């Protein structure tokens, strides 16, 4: 799997968790990387804020509404 992706995940997840919970952080990253390798995608809870999710959803809905069937 991409070492760049792994670096981003470590930076993102590592900054959100206390350093004494590093083993847990590494396990989360390993799970995400395993999902990516197996399924080609992974869900990452808390990766983006709720307002970003709402914005993305509205943009996607507009695209779907304007796409011919």
PDB file of N, CA and C in Angstrom:
ATOM      1  N   UNK A   1       0.851  -1.186   0.000  1.00  0.00           N
ATOM      2  CA  UNK A   1       0.000   0.000   0.000  1.00  0.00           C
ATOM      3  C   UNK A   1       0.879   1.224   0.000  1.00  0.00           C
ATOM      4  N   UNK A   2       0.347   2.315  -0.398  1.00  0.00           N
ATOM      5  CA  UNK A   2       1.081   3.563  -0.550  1.00  0.00           C
ATOM      6  C   UNK A   2       1.679   4.046   0.769  1.00  0.00           C
ATOM      7  N   UNK A   3       2.980   4.257   0.769  1.00  0.00           N
ATOM      8  CA  UNK A   3       3.619   4.777   1.978  1.00  0.00           C
ATOM      9  C   UNK A   3       3.205   6.228   2.220  1.00  0.00           C
ATOM     10  N   UNK A   4       2.871   6.961   1.147  1.00  0.00           N
ATOM     11  CA  UNK A   4       2.403   8.336   1.301  1.00  0.00           C
ATOM     12  C   UNK A   4       1.076   8.356   2.061  1.00  0.00           C
ATOM     13  N   UNK A   5       0.169   7.458   1.692  1.00  0.00           N
ATOM     14  CA  UNK A   5      -1.113   7.372   2.394  1.00  0.00           C
ATOM     15  C   UNK A   5      -0.884   7.014   3.855  1.00  0.00           C
ATOM     16  N   UNK A   6      -0.024   6.067   4.094  1.00  0.00           N
ATOM     17  CA  UNK A   6       0.260   5.656   5.467  1.00  0.00           C
ATOM     18  C   UNK A   6       0.832   6.828   6.267  1.00  0.00           C
ATOM     19  N   UNK A   7       1.693   7.623   5.666  1.00  0.00           N
ATOM     20  CA  UNK A   7       2.269   8.790   6.343  1.00  0.00           C
ATOM     21  C   UNK A   7       1.196   9.810   6.699  1.00  0.00           C
ATOM     22  N   UNK A   8       0.273  10.040   5.757  1.00  0.00           N
ATOM     23  CA  UNK A   8      -0.817  10.982   6.016  1.00  0.00           C
ATOM     24  C   UNK A   8      -1.692  10.473   7.151  1.00  0.00           C
ATOM     25  N   UNK A   9      -2.013   9.180   7.113  1.00  0.00           N
ATOM     26  CA  UNK A   9      -2.841   8.613   8.182  1.00  0.00           C
ATOM     27  C   UNK A   9      -2.148   8.722   9.529  1.00  0.00           C
ATOM     28  N   UNK A  10      -0.856   8.421   9.570  1.00  0.00           N
ATOM     29  CA  UNK A  10      -0.122   8.521  10.831  1.00  0.00           C
ATOM     30  C   UNK A  10      -0.122   9.949  11.351  1.00  0.00           C
ATOM     31  N   UNK A  11       0.069  10.898  10.459  1.00  0.00           N
ATOM     32  CA  UNK A  11       0.074  12.301  10.876  1.00  0.00           C
ATOM     33  C   UNK A  11      -1.295  12.712  11.387  1.00  0.00           C
ATOM     34  N   UNK A  12      -2.339  12.342  10.661  1.00  0.00           N
ATOM     35  CA  UNK A  12      -3.707  12.745  11.026  1.00  0.00           C
ATOM     36  C   UNK A  12      -4.168  12.062  12.310  1.00  0.00           C
ATOM     37  N   UNK A  13      -4.054  10.758  12.351  1.00  0.00           N
ATOM     38  CA  UNK A  13      -4.536  10.009  13.511  1.00  0.00           C
ATOM     39  C   UNK A  13      -3.621  10.236  14.708  1.00  0.00           C
ATOM     40  N   UNK A  14      -2.325  10.307  14.458  1.00  0.00           N
ATOM     41  CA  UNK A  14      -1.364  10.509  15.538  1.00  0.00           C
ATOM     42  C   UNK A  14      -1.562  11.825  16.259  1.00  0.00           C
ATOM     43  N   UNK A  15      -1.972  12.872  15.561  1.00  0.00           N
ATOM     44  CA  UNK A  15      -2.173  14.160  16.201  1.00  0.00           C
ATOM     45  C   UNK A  15      -3.487  14.209  16.969  1.00  0.00           C
ATOM     46  N   UNK A  16      -4.393  13.325  16.658  1.00  0.00           N
ATOM     47  CA  UNK A  16      -5.699  13.341  17.312  1.00  0.00           C
ATOM     48  C   UNK A  16      -5.746  12.465  18.556  1.00  0.00           C
ATOM     49  N   UNK A  17      -4.749  11.678  18.756  1.00  0.00           N
ATOM     50  CA  UNK A  17      -4.746  10.758  19.896  1.00  0.00           C
ATOM     51  C   UNK A  17      -3.558  11.061  20.793  1.00  0.00           C
ATOM     52  N   UNK A  18      -3.703  10.758  22.052  1.00  0.00           N
ATOM     53  CA  UNK A  18      -2.610  10.959  22.988  1.00  0.00           C
ATOM     54  C   UNK A  18      -1.456  10.035  22.631  1.00  0.00           C
ATOM     55  N   UNK A  19      -0.239  10.497  22.863  1.00  0.00           N
ATOM     56  CA  UNK A  19       0.949   9.715  22.508  1.00  0.00           C
ATOM     57  C   UNK A  19       1.033   8.411  23.294  1.00  0.00           C
ATOM     58  N   UNK A  20       0.518   8.346  24.508  1.00  0.00           N
ATOM     59  CA  UNK A  20       0.586   7.104  25.282  1.00  0.00           C
ATOM     60  C   UNK A  20      -0.359   6.033  24.742  1.00  0.00           C
ATOM     61  N   UNK A  21      -1.174   6.396  23.767  1.00  0.00           N
ATOM     62  CA  UNK A  21      -2.077   5.439  23.132  1.00  0.00           C
ATOM     63  C   UNK A  21      -1.550   5.067  21.757  1.00  0.00           C
ATOM     64  N   UNK A  22      -0.252   5.182  21.554  1.00  0.00           N
ATOM     65  CA  UNK A  22       0.364   4.967  20.245  1.00  0.00           C
ATOM     66  C   UNK A  22       0.063   3.577  19.690  1.00  0.00           C
ATOM     67  N   UNK A  23       0.049   2.574  20.512  1.00  0.00           N
ATOM     68  CA  UNK A  23      -0.260   1.223  20.038  1.00  0.00           C
ATOM     69  C   UNK A  23      -1.635   1.165  19.396  1.00  0.00           C
ATOM     70  N   UNK A  24      -2.596   1.839  19.979  1.00  0.00           N
ATOM     71  CA  UNK A  24      -3.959   1.897  19.437  1.00  0.00           C
ATOM     72  C   UNK A  24      -3.959   2.629  18.101  1.00  0.00           C
ATOM     73  N   UNK A  25      -3.226   3.727  18.021  1.00  0.00           N
ATOM     74  CA  UNK A  25      -3.143   4.489  16.782  1.00  0.00           C
ATOM     75  C   UNK A  25      -2.556   3.640  15.667  1.00  0.00           C
ATOM     76  N   UNK A  26      -1.483   2.925  15.965  1.00  0.00           N
ATOM     77  CA  UNK A  26      -0.863   2.060  14.961  1.00  0.00           C
ATOM     78  C   UNK A  26      -1.827   0.965  14.514  1.00  0.00           C
ATOM     79  N   UNK A  27      -2.615   0.433  15.445  1.00  0.00           N
ATOM     80  CA  UNK A  27      -3.590  -0.604  15.097  1.00  0.00           C
ATOM     81  C   UNK A  27      -4.668  -0.044  14.174  1.00  0.00           C
ATOM     82  N   UNK A  28      -5.110   1.182  14.423  1.00  0.00           N
ATOM     83  CA  UNK A  28      -6.115   1.820  13.570  1.00  0.00           C
ATOM     84  C   UNK A  28      -5.553   1.991  12.166  1.00  0.00           C
ATOM     85  N   UNK A  29      -4.319   2.471  12.072  1.00  0.00           N
ATOM     86  CA  UNK A  29      -3.684   2.656  10.764  1.00  0.00           C
ATOM     87  C   UNK A  29      -3.549   1.328  10.046  1.00  0.00           C
ATOM     88  N   UNK A  30      -3.127   0.297  10.745  1.00  0.00           N
ATOM     89  CA  UNK A  30      -3.008  -1.029  10.126  1.00  0.00           C
ATOM     90  C   UNK A  30      -4.351  -1.520   9.608  1.00  0.00           C
ATOM     91  N   UNK A  31      -5.420  -1.298  10.373  1.00  0.00           N
ATOM     92  CA  UNK A  31      -6.763  -1.703   9.937  1.00  0.00           C
ATOM     93  C   UNK A  31      -7.172  -0.949   8.675  1.00  0.00           C
ATOM     94  N   UNK A  32      -6.907   0.353   8.639  1.00  0.00           N
ATOM     95  CA  UNK A  32      -7.253   1.156   7.467  1.00  0.00           C
ATOM     96  C   UNK A  32      -6.469   0.680   6.256  1.00  0.00           C
ATOM     97  N   UNK A  33      -5.181   0.453   6.422  1.00  0.00           N
ATOM     98  CA  UNK A  33      -4.343   0.000   5.311  1.00  0.00           C
ATOM     99  C   UNK A  33      -4.795  -1.381   4.817  1.00  0.00           C
ATOM    100  N   UNK A  34      -5.196  -2.253   5.728  1.00  0.00           N
ATOM    101  CA  UNK A  34      -5.693  -3.581   5.361  1.00  0.00           C
ATOM    102  C   UNK A  34      -6.992  -3.458   4.556  1.00  0.00           C
ATOM    103  N   UNK A  35      -7.891  -2.583   5.010  1.00  0.00           N
ATOM    104  CA  UNK A  35      -9.140  -2.353   4.277  1.00  0.00           C
ATOM    105  C   UNK A  35      -8.856  -1.828   2.876  1.00  0.00           C
ATOM    106  N   UNK A  36      -7.922  -0.896   2.774  1.00  0.00           N
ATOM    107  CA  UNK A  36      -7.568  -0.331   1.466  1.00  0.00           C
ATOM    108  C   UNK A  36      -7.048  -1.419   0.534  1.00  0.00           C
ATOM    109  N   UNK A  37      -6.183  -2.269   1.030  1.00  0.00           N
ATOM    110  CA  UNK A  37      -5.603  -3.333   0.209  1.00  0.00           C
ATOM    111  C   UNK A  37      -6.669  -4.344  -0.203  1.00  0.00           C
ATOM    112  N   UNK A  38      -7.565  -4.659   0.713  1.00  0.00           N
ATOM    113  CA  UNK A  38      -8.586  -5.676   0.460  1.00  0.00           C
ATOM    114  C   UNK A  38      -9.717  -5.160  -0.425  1.00  0.00           C
ATOM    115  N   UNK A  39     -10.235  -3.972  -0.104  1.00  0.00           N
ATOM    116  CA  UNK A  39     -11.454  -3.482  -0.751  1.00  0.00           C
ATOM    117  C   UNK A  39     -11.229  -2.332  -1.728  1.00  0.00           C
ATOM    118  N   UNK A  40     -10.072  -1.715  -1.661  1.00  0.00           N
ATOM    119  CA  UNK A  40      -9.803  -0.566  -2.516  1.00  0.00           C
ATOM    120  C   UNK A  40     -10.296   0.745  -1.926  1.00  0.00           C
ATOM    121  N   UNK A  41     -10.881   0.692  -0.755  1.00  0.00           N
ATOM    122  CA  UNK A  41     -11.327   1.888  -0.045  1.00  0.00           C
ATOM    123  C   UNK A  41     -11.407   1.570   1.444  1.00  0.00           C
ATOM    124  N   UNK A  42     -11.508   2.594   2.248  1.00  0.00           N
ATOM    125  CA  UNK A  42     -11.678   2.405   3.691  1.00  0.00           C
ATOM    126  C   UNK A  42     -12.446   3.594   4.244  1.00  0.00           C
ATOM    127  N   UNK A  43     -13.263   3.337   5.227  1.00  0.00           N
ATOM    128  CA  UNK A  43     -13.932   4.428   5.923  1.00  0.00           C
ATOM    129  C   UNK A  43     -13.046   4.811   7.106  1.00  0.00           C
ATOM    130  N   UNK A  44     -12.931   6.105   7.322  1.00  0.00           N
ATOM    131  CA  UNK A  44     -12.083   6.607   8.398  1.00  0.00           C
ATOM    132  C   UNK A  44     -12.941   7.527   9.253  1.00  0.00           C
ATOM    133  N   UNK A  45     -13.512   6.995  10.342  1.00  0.00           N
ATOM    134  CA  UNK A  45     -14.383   7.801  11.193  1.00  0.00           C
ATOM    135  C   UNK A  45     -13.658   9.041  11.704  1.00  0.00           C
ATOM    136  N   UNK A  46     -14.342  10.187  11.620  1.00  0.00           N
ATOM    137  CA  UNK A  46     -13.777  11.425  12.126  1.00  0.00           C
ATOM    138  C   UNK A  46     -12.727  12.062  11.234  1.00  0.00           C
ATOM    139  N   UNK A  47     -12.552  11.548  10.014  1.00  0.00           N
ATOM    140  CA  UNK A  47     -11.514  12.077   9.122  1.00  0.00           C
ATOM    141  C   UNK A  47     -11.837  13.481   8.629  1.00  0.00           C
ATOM    142  N   UNK A  48     -13.127  13.761   8.448  1.00  0.00           N
ATOM    143  CA  UNK A  48     -13.524  15.110   8.042  1.00  0.00           C
ATOM    144  C   UNK A  48     -14.667  15.576   8.930  1.00  0.00           C
ATOM    145  N   UNK A  49     -14.775  16.873   9.045  1.00  0.00           N
ATOM    146  CA  UNK A  49     -15.783  17.468   9.921  1.00  0.00           C
ATOM    147  C   UNK A  49     -17.183  17.324   9.331  1.00  0.00           C
ATOM    148  N   UNK A  50     -18.173  17.411  10.194  1.00  0.00           N
ATOM    149  CA  UNK A  50     -19.571  17.255   9.779  1.00  0.00           C
ATOM    150  C   UNK A  50     -19.970  18.266   8.711  1.00  0.00           C
ATOM    151  N   UNK A  51     -19.478  19.503   8.808  1.00  0.00           N
ATOM    152  CA  UNK A  51     -19.837  20.498   7.801  1.00  0.00           C
ATOM    153  C   UNK A  51     -19.231  20.160   6.441  1.00  0.00           C
ATOM    154  N   UNK A  52     -18.071  19.518   6.431  1.00  0.00           N
ATOM    155  CA  UNK A  52     -17.469  19.082   5.172  1.00  0.00           C
ATOM    156  C   UNK A  52     -18.276  17.937   4.556  1.00  0.00           C
ATOM    157  N   UNK A  53     -18.775  17.050   5.401  1.00  0.00           N
ATOM    158  CA  UNK A  53     -19.619  15.954   4.926  1.00  0.00           C
ATOM    159  C   UNK A  53     -20.893  16.522   4.306  1.00  0.00           C
ATOM    160  N   UNK A  54     -21.512  17.480   4.970  1.00  0.00           N
ATOM    161  CA  UNK A  54     -22.740  18.094   4.455  1.00  0.00           C
ATOM    162  C   UNK A  54     -22.488  18.771   3.116  1.00  0.00           C
ATOM    163  N   UNK A  55     -21.374  19.483   2.995  1.00  0.00           N
ATOM    164  CA  UNK A  55     -21.032  20.142   1.737  1.00  0.00           C
ATOM    165  C   UNK A  55     -20.835  19.113   0.624  1.00  0.00           C
ATOM    166  N   UNK A  56     -20.068  18.054   0.896  1.00  0.00           N
ATOM    167  CA  UNK A  56     -19.807  17.023  -0.114  1.00  0.00           C
ATOM    168  C   UNK A  56     -21.110  16.351  -0.544  1.00  0.00           C
ATOM    169  N   UNK A  57     -21.968  16.069   0.432  1.00  0.00           N
ATOM    170  CA  UNK A  57     -23.258  15.443   0.120  1.00  0.00           C
ATOM    171  C   UNK A  57     -24.087  16.328  -0.796  1.00  0.00           C
ATOM    172  N   UNK A  58     -24.152  17.616  -0.494  1.00  0.00           N
ATOM    173  CA  UNK A  58     -24.956  18.520  -1.332  1.00  0.00           C
ATOM    174  C   UNK A  58     -24.368  18.629  -2.739  1.00  0.00           C
ATOM    175  N   UNK A  59     -23.050  18.638  -2.854  1.00  0.00           N
ATOM    176  CA  UNK A  59     -22.417  18.677  -4.172  1.00  0.00           C
ATOM    177  C   UNK A  59     -22.720  17.410  -4.969  1.00  0.00           C
ATOM    178  N   UNK A  60     -22.633  16.264  -4.312  1.00  0.00           N
ATOM    179  CA  UNK A  60     -22.925  14.998  -4.990  1.00  0.00           C
ATOM    180  C   UNK A  60     -24.388  14.898  -5.388  1.00  0.00           C
ATOM    181  N   UNK A  61     -25.287  15.370  -4.518  1.00  0.00           N
ATOM    182  CA  UNK A  61     -26.704  15.341  -4.853  1.00  0.00           C
ATOM    183  C   UNK A  61     -26.988  16.199  -6.087  1.00  0.00           C
ATOM    184  N   UNK A  62     -26.335  17.354  -6.190  1.00  0.00           N
ATOM    185  CA  UNK A  62     -26.525  18.227  -7.344  1.00  0.00           C
ATOM    186  C   UNK A  62     -26.031  17.543  -8.612  1.00  0.00           C
ATOM    187  N   UNK A  63     -24.931  16.837  -8.519  1.00  0.00           N
ATOM    188  CA  UNK A  63     -24.399  16.123  -9.681  1.00  0.00           C
ATOM    189  C   UNK A  63     -25.361  15.021 -10.125  1.00  0.00           C
ATOM    190  N   UNK A  64     -25.866  14.271  -9.156  1.00  0.00           N
ATOM    191  CA  UNK A  64     -26.798  13.172  -9.470  1.00  0.00           C
ATOM    192  C   UNK A  64     -28.078  13.731 -10.093  1.00  0.00           C
ATOM    193  N   UNK A  65     -28.600  14.815  -9.553  1.00  0.00           N
ATOM    194  CA  UNK A  65     -29.824  15.414 -10.072  1.00  0.00           C
ATOM    195  C   UNK A  65     -29.646  15.886 -11.529  1.00  0.00           C
ATOM    196  N   UNK A  66     -28.461  16.316 -11.880  1.00  0.00           N
ATOM    197  CA  UNK A  66     -28.190  16.855 -13.216  1.00  0.00           C
ATOM    198  C   UNK A  66     -27.598  15.840 -14.174  1.00  0.00           C
ATOM    199  N   UNK A  67     -27.536  14.587 -13.774  1.00  0.00           N
ATOM    200  CA  UNK A  67     -26.993  13.537 -14.629  1.00  0.00           C
ATOM    201  C   UNK A  67     -28.150  12.791 -15.298  1.00  0.00           C
ATOM    202  N   UNK A  68     -28.134  12.718 -16.630  1.00  0.00           N
ATOM    203  CA  UNK A  68     -29.206  11.991 -17.318  1.00  0.00           C
ATOM    204  C   UNK A  68     -29.212  10.518 -16.919  1.00  0.00           C
ATOM    205  N   UNK A  69     -30.398   9.959 -16.871  1.00  0.00           N
ATOM    206  CA  UNK A  69     -30.550   8.558 -16.468  1.00  0.00           C
ATOM    207  C   UNK A  69     -30.114   7.613 -17.579  1.00  0.00           C
TER     208      UNK A  69
END
